[in-house]
Structure formats: C-alpha cells, structure tokens
C-alpha atoms as a PDB file:
ATOM      1  CA  MET A   1      -6.210 -16.506  -9.126  1.00  0.00           C
ATOM      2  CA  SER A   2      -6.298 -18.561  -5.977  1.00  0.00           C
ATOM      3  CA  ALA A   3      -9.210 -18.422  -3.578  1.00  0.00           C
ATOM      4  CA  ASN A   4      -7.103 -16.958  -0.781  1.00  0.00           C
ATOM      5  CA  THR A   5      -5.896 -14.040  -2.858  1.00  0.00           C
ATOM      6  CA  SER A   6      -5.202 -10.979  -0.766  1.00  0.00           C
ATOM      7  CA  THR A   7      -6.232  -7.536  -1.967  1.00  0.00           C
ATOM      8  CA  ILE A   8      -3.702  -4.735  -1.901  1.00  0.00           C
ATOM      9  CA  LEU A   9      -4.504  -1.057  -2.341  1.00  0.00           C
ATOM     10  CA  VAL A  10      -1.595   0.723  -4.012  1.00  0.00           C
ATOM     11  CA  VAL A  11      -1.482   4.504  -3.558  1.00  0.00           C
ATOM     12  CA  GLU A  12       1.162   6.153  -5.738  1.00  0.00           C
ATOM     13  CA  ASP A  13       0.925   9.475  -7.572  1.00  0.00           C
ATOM     14  CA  ASP A  14       3.581   8.567 -10.151  1.00  0.00           C
ATOM     15  CA  ALA A  15       1.690   6.625 -12.823  1.00  0.00           C
ATOM     16  CA  ILE A  16       4.750   4.722 -14.071  1.00  0.00           C
ATOM     17  CA  VAL A  17       5.847   3.673 -10.595  1.00  0.00           C
ATOM     18  CA  ARG A  18       2.255   2.703  -9.753  1.00  0.00           C
ATOM     19  CA  MET A  19       1.989   0.615 -12.909  1.00  0.00           C
ATOM     20  CA  LEU A  20       5.222  -1.227 -12.113  1.00  0.00           C
ATOM     21  CA  ILE A  21       4.141  -1.992  -8.537  1.00  0.00           C
ATOM     22  CA  VAL A  22       0.710  -3.148  -9.724  1.00  0.00           C
ATOM     23  CA  ASP A  23       2.266  -5.371 -12.400  1.00  0.00           C
ATOM     24  CA  VAL A  24       4.559  -7.020  -9.865  1.00  0.00           C
ATOM     25  CA  LEU A  25       1.784  -7.597  -7.338  1.00  0.00           C
ATOM     26  CA  GLU A  26      -0.591  -8.960  -9.991  1.00  0.00           C
ATOM     27  CA  GLU A  27       2.124 -11.300 -11.201  1.00  0.00           C
ATOM     28  CA  LEU A  28       2.329 -12.572  -7.615  1.00  0.00           C
ATOM     29  CA  GLU A  29      -1.434 -13.234  -7.906  1.00  0.00           C
ATOM     30  CA  PHE A  30      -2.612 -10.483  -5.606  1.00  0.00           C
ATOM     31  CA  LYS A  31      -5.767  -8.570  -6.411  1.00  0.00           C
ATOM     32  CA  VAL A  32      -4.703  -4.943  -6.743  1.00  0.00           C
ATOM     33  CA  LEU A  33      -6.682  -1.740  -6.371  1.00  0.00           C
ATOM     34  CA  GLU A  34      -5.052   1.475  -7.541  1.00  0.00           C
ATOM     35  CA  ALA A  35      -5.316   5.042  -6.323  1.00  0.00           C
ATOM     36  CA  GLU A  36      -3.294   7.976  -7.619  1.00  0.00           C
ATOM     37  CA  GLY A  37      -3.705   9.930  -4.426  1.00  0.00           C
ATOM     38  CA  SER A  38      -5.154  10.090  -0.937  1.00  0.00           C
ATOM     39  CA  GLU A  39      -8.642  11.225  -1.934  1.00  0.00           C
ATOM     40  CA  GLN A  40      -9.067   8.326  -4.341  1.00  0.00           C
ATOM     41  CA  ALA A  41      -7.630   5.918  -1.759  1.00  0.00           C
ATOM     42  CA  LEU A  42     -10.077   7.096   0.899  1.00  0.00           C
ATOM     43  CA  GLU A  43     -13.017   6.619  -1.476  1.00  0.00           C
ATOM     44  CA  ILE A  44     -11.921   2.996  -1.963  1.00  0.00           C
ATOM     45  CA  LEU A  45     -11.377   2.522   1.787  1.00  0.00           C
ATOM     46  CA  LYS A  46     -14.860   3.898   2.557  1.00  0.00           C
ATOM     47  CA  ASP A  47     -16.439   1.136   0.462  1.00  0.00           C
ATOM     48  CA  ILE A  48     -16.825  -1.456   3.211  1.00  0.00           C
ATOM     49  CA  SER A  49     -17.948  -4.099   0.710  1.00  0.00           C
ATOM     50  CA  GLN A  50     -14.404  -3.941  -0.704  1.00  0.00           C
ATOM     51  CA  ASN A  51     -11.982  -6.260   1.071  1.00  0.00           C
ATOM     52  CA  ILE A  52      -8.501  -4.765   1.534  1.00  0.00           C
ATOM     53  CA  ASP A  53      -5.727  -6.735   3.226  1.00  0.00           C
ATOM     54  CA  LEU A  54      -2.917  -4.208   2.853  1.00  0.00           C
ATOM     55  CA  MET A  55      -2.494  -0.600   1.806  1.00  0.00           C
ATOM     56  CA  MET A  56       0.812   0.292   0.217  1.00  0.00           C
ATOM     57  CA  THR A  57       1.275   4.024  -0.046  1.00  0.00           C
ATOM     58  CA  ASP A  58       3.943   6.393  -1.204  1.00  0.00           C
ATOM     59  CA  VAL A  59       4.926   8.779   1.591  1.00  0.00           C
ATOM     60  CA  GLY A  60       5.328  11.795  -0.697  1.00  0.00           C
ATOM     61  CA  LEU A  61       1.816  12.276  -2.015  1.00  0.00           C
ATOM     62  CA  PRO A  62       0.312  15.621  -3.019  1.00  0.00           C
ATOM     63  CA  ILE A  63      -2.452  17.214  -0.895  1.00  0.00           C
ATOM     64  CA  MET A  64      -2.388  14.650   1.934  1.00  0.00           C
ATOM     65  CA  ASP A  65       0.869  12.759   2.448  1.00  0.00           C
ATOM     66  CA  GLY A  66       1.137   9.042   3.081  1.00  0.00           C
ATOM     67  CA  ARG A  67       1.283   9.396   6.850  1.00  0.00           C
ATOM     68  CA  GLU A  68      -1.827  11.584   6.966  1.00  0.00           C
ATOM     69  CA  LEU A  69      -3.538   9.107   4.657  1.00  0.00           C
ATOM     70  CA  ALA A  70      -2.570   6.256   7.001  1.00  0.00           C
ATOM     71  CA  ILE A  71      -4.185   8.062   9.950  1.00  0.00           C
ATOM     72  CA  GLU A  72      -7.415   8.544   7.975  1.00  0.00           C
ATOM     73  CA  ALA A  73      -7.295   4.972   6.661  1.00  0.00           C
ATOM     74  CA  ARG A  74      -6.999   3.611  10.199  1.00  0.00           C
ATOM     75  CA  LYS A  75     -10.099   5.596  11.225  1.00  0.00           C
ATOM     76  CA  LEU A  76     -12.014   3.749   8.508  1.00  0.00           C
ATOM     77  CA  ARG A  77     -10.279   0.378   8.917  1.00  0.00           C
ATOM     78  CA  PRO A  78      -8.575   0.190  12.318  1.00  0.00           C
ATOM     79  CA  SER A  79      -6.734  -3.091  11.732  1.00  0.00           C
ATOM     80  CA  LEU A  80      -5.547  -2.394   8.169  1.00  0.00           C
ATOM     81  CA  PRO A  81      -1.834  -3.127   7.701  1.00  0.00           C
ATOM     82  CA  ILE A  82      -0.119  -0.195   6.000  1.00  0.00           C
ATOM     83  CA  MET A  83       3.200  -0.226   4.192  1.00  0.00           C
ATOM     84  CA  PHE A  84       4.928   3.020   3.270  1.00  0.00           C
ATOM     85  CA  ALA A  85       7.217   3.261   0.273  1.00  0.00           C
ATOM     86  CA  SER A  86       9.794   6.018   0.522  1.00  0.00           C
ATOM     87  CA  GLY A  87      13.030   7.128  -1.034  1.00  0.00           C
ATOM     88  CA  TYR A  88      13.918   8.547   2.380  1.00  0.00           C
ATOM     89  CA  ALA A  89      13.229   5.398   4.403  1.00  0.00           C
ATOM     90  CA  GLU A  90      15.821   6.063   7.086  1.00  0.00           C
ATOM     91  CA  ASN A  91      14.192   9.385   7.989  1.00  0.00           C
ATOM     92  CA  ILE A  92      10.767   7.999   8.757  1.00  0.00           C
ATOM     93  CA  ASP A  93       9.292   6.897  12.063  1.00  0.00           C
ATOM     94  CA  VAL A  94       6.765   4.217  11.301  1.00  0.00           C
ATOM     95  CA  PRO A  95       3.826   3.892  13.692  1.00  0.00           C
ATOM     96  CA  GLU A  96       3.079   0.516  15.238  1.00  0.00           C
ATOM     97  CA  GLY A  97       1.398  -1.942  12.888  1.00  0.00           C
ATOM     98  CA  MET A  98       2.801  -0.132   9.887  1.00  0.00           C
ATOM     99  CA  TYR A  99       5.716  -1.079   7.686  1.00  0.00           C
ATOM    100  CA  LEU A 100       8.258   0.548   5.438  1.00  0.00           C
ATOM    101  CA  ILE A 101       9.983  -0.354   2.206  1.00  0.00           C
ATOM    102  CA  GLY A 102      12.727   1.901   0.877  1.00  0.00           C
ATOM    103  CA  LYS A 103      12.690   3.076  -2.736  1.00  0.00           C
ATOM    104  CA  PRO A 104      14.030   1.914  -5.028  1.00  0.00           C
ATOM    105  CA  PHE A 105      13.137  -1.657  -4.142  1.00  0.00           C
ATOM    106  CA  SER A 106      13.540  -4.837  -6.151  1.00  0.00           C
ATOM    107  CA  ILE A 107      10.704  -7.133  -7.156  1.00  0.00           C
ATOM    108  CA  ASP A 108      12.024  -9.679  -4.655  1.00  0.00           C
ATOM    109  CA  GLN A 109      12.126  -7.121  -1.838  1.00  0.00           C
ATOM    110  CA  LEU A 110       8.566  -6.073  -2.590  1.00  0.00           C
ATOM    111  CA  ARG A 111       7.366  -9.681  -2.721  1.00  0.00           C
ATOM    112  CA  ASP A 112       9.144 -10.639   0.509  1.00  0.00           C
ATOM    113  CA  LYS A 113       7.895  -7.583   2.360  1.00  0.00           C
ATOM    114  CA  VAL A 114       4.269  -8.062   1.248  1.00  0.00           C
ATOM    115  CA  MET A 115       4.326 -11.799   1.966  1.00  0.00           C
ATOM    116  CA  GLY A 116       5.848 -11.081   5.376  1.00  0.00           C
ATOM    117  CA  ILE A 117       3.138  -8.576   6.263  1.00  0.00           C
ATOM    118  CA  LEU A 118       0.303 -10.765   5.011  1.00  0.00           C
ATOM    119  CA  GLY A 119       1.822 -13.837   6.610  1.00  0.00           C
ATOM    120  CA  SER A 120       1.538 -16.000   3.543  1.00  0.00           C
END
C-alpha cells in the first residue's frame, strides 16, 4: 500500500458484485470499505475519524436508494465525491459533483473512472 492510498466506500447490496468491485479496487491499491446497504454506509460515513475519498454506490438499493443515500451522505460529508453504478445509466440525472458508471463495466472502465474522479 502506498502512503497516498485513497479510501473508497463501496455500497452494493449484491454480495457477489460487491466482492468483485472490492477485489478490483484493492488490486489497484485502494483501501476499500464495504457496505451492503444505505444504513451500513451511513454508519461508516458518520465515523468522522474514517477518511473516505469516494463513495461508490449502486443506484438500486433496498430501503433507501443510491440517490437518497447520496443526499444523506452529503449532509454528513458535503464535499464527498459520489459515483453511482447503474444498469440504467442513461436514465439517470446525476447531481453536480457526482458521477456515473454504467453496469456492466469493465475493470479498466472502473479504474479509469475512479482515477479520473480522484485525480490520480
């Protein structure tokens, strides 16, 4: 791990998809935090001792969807970059300062998108 490792919070209710995303990001030497849903994600976001450089969330989450989660996340961390992952990417309006990656995405697409957002 390099000293300038960014931390990414991955919010995905599908365990297999979440595992794949986490594996890819860890391989790229990011520190990854996992949440299976919005409630778990918000608990992590509330811990201000925990550095988070990017939240990647599925749009279609149970209970509170990805967009609602993003609104709550921004209340806790106003400058947090947020990237939505969606199989319906073309149907989504992304608020300013937020990003979108369409599912399915390749490892390269994920890497390029994350690196682009984090500016590294």
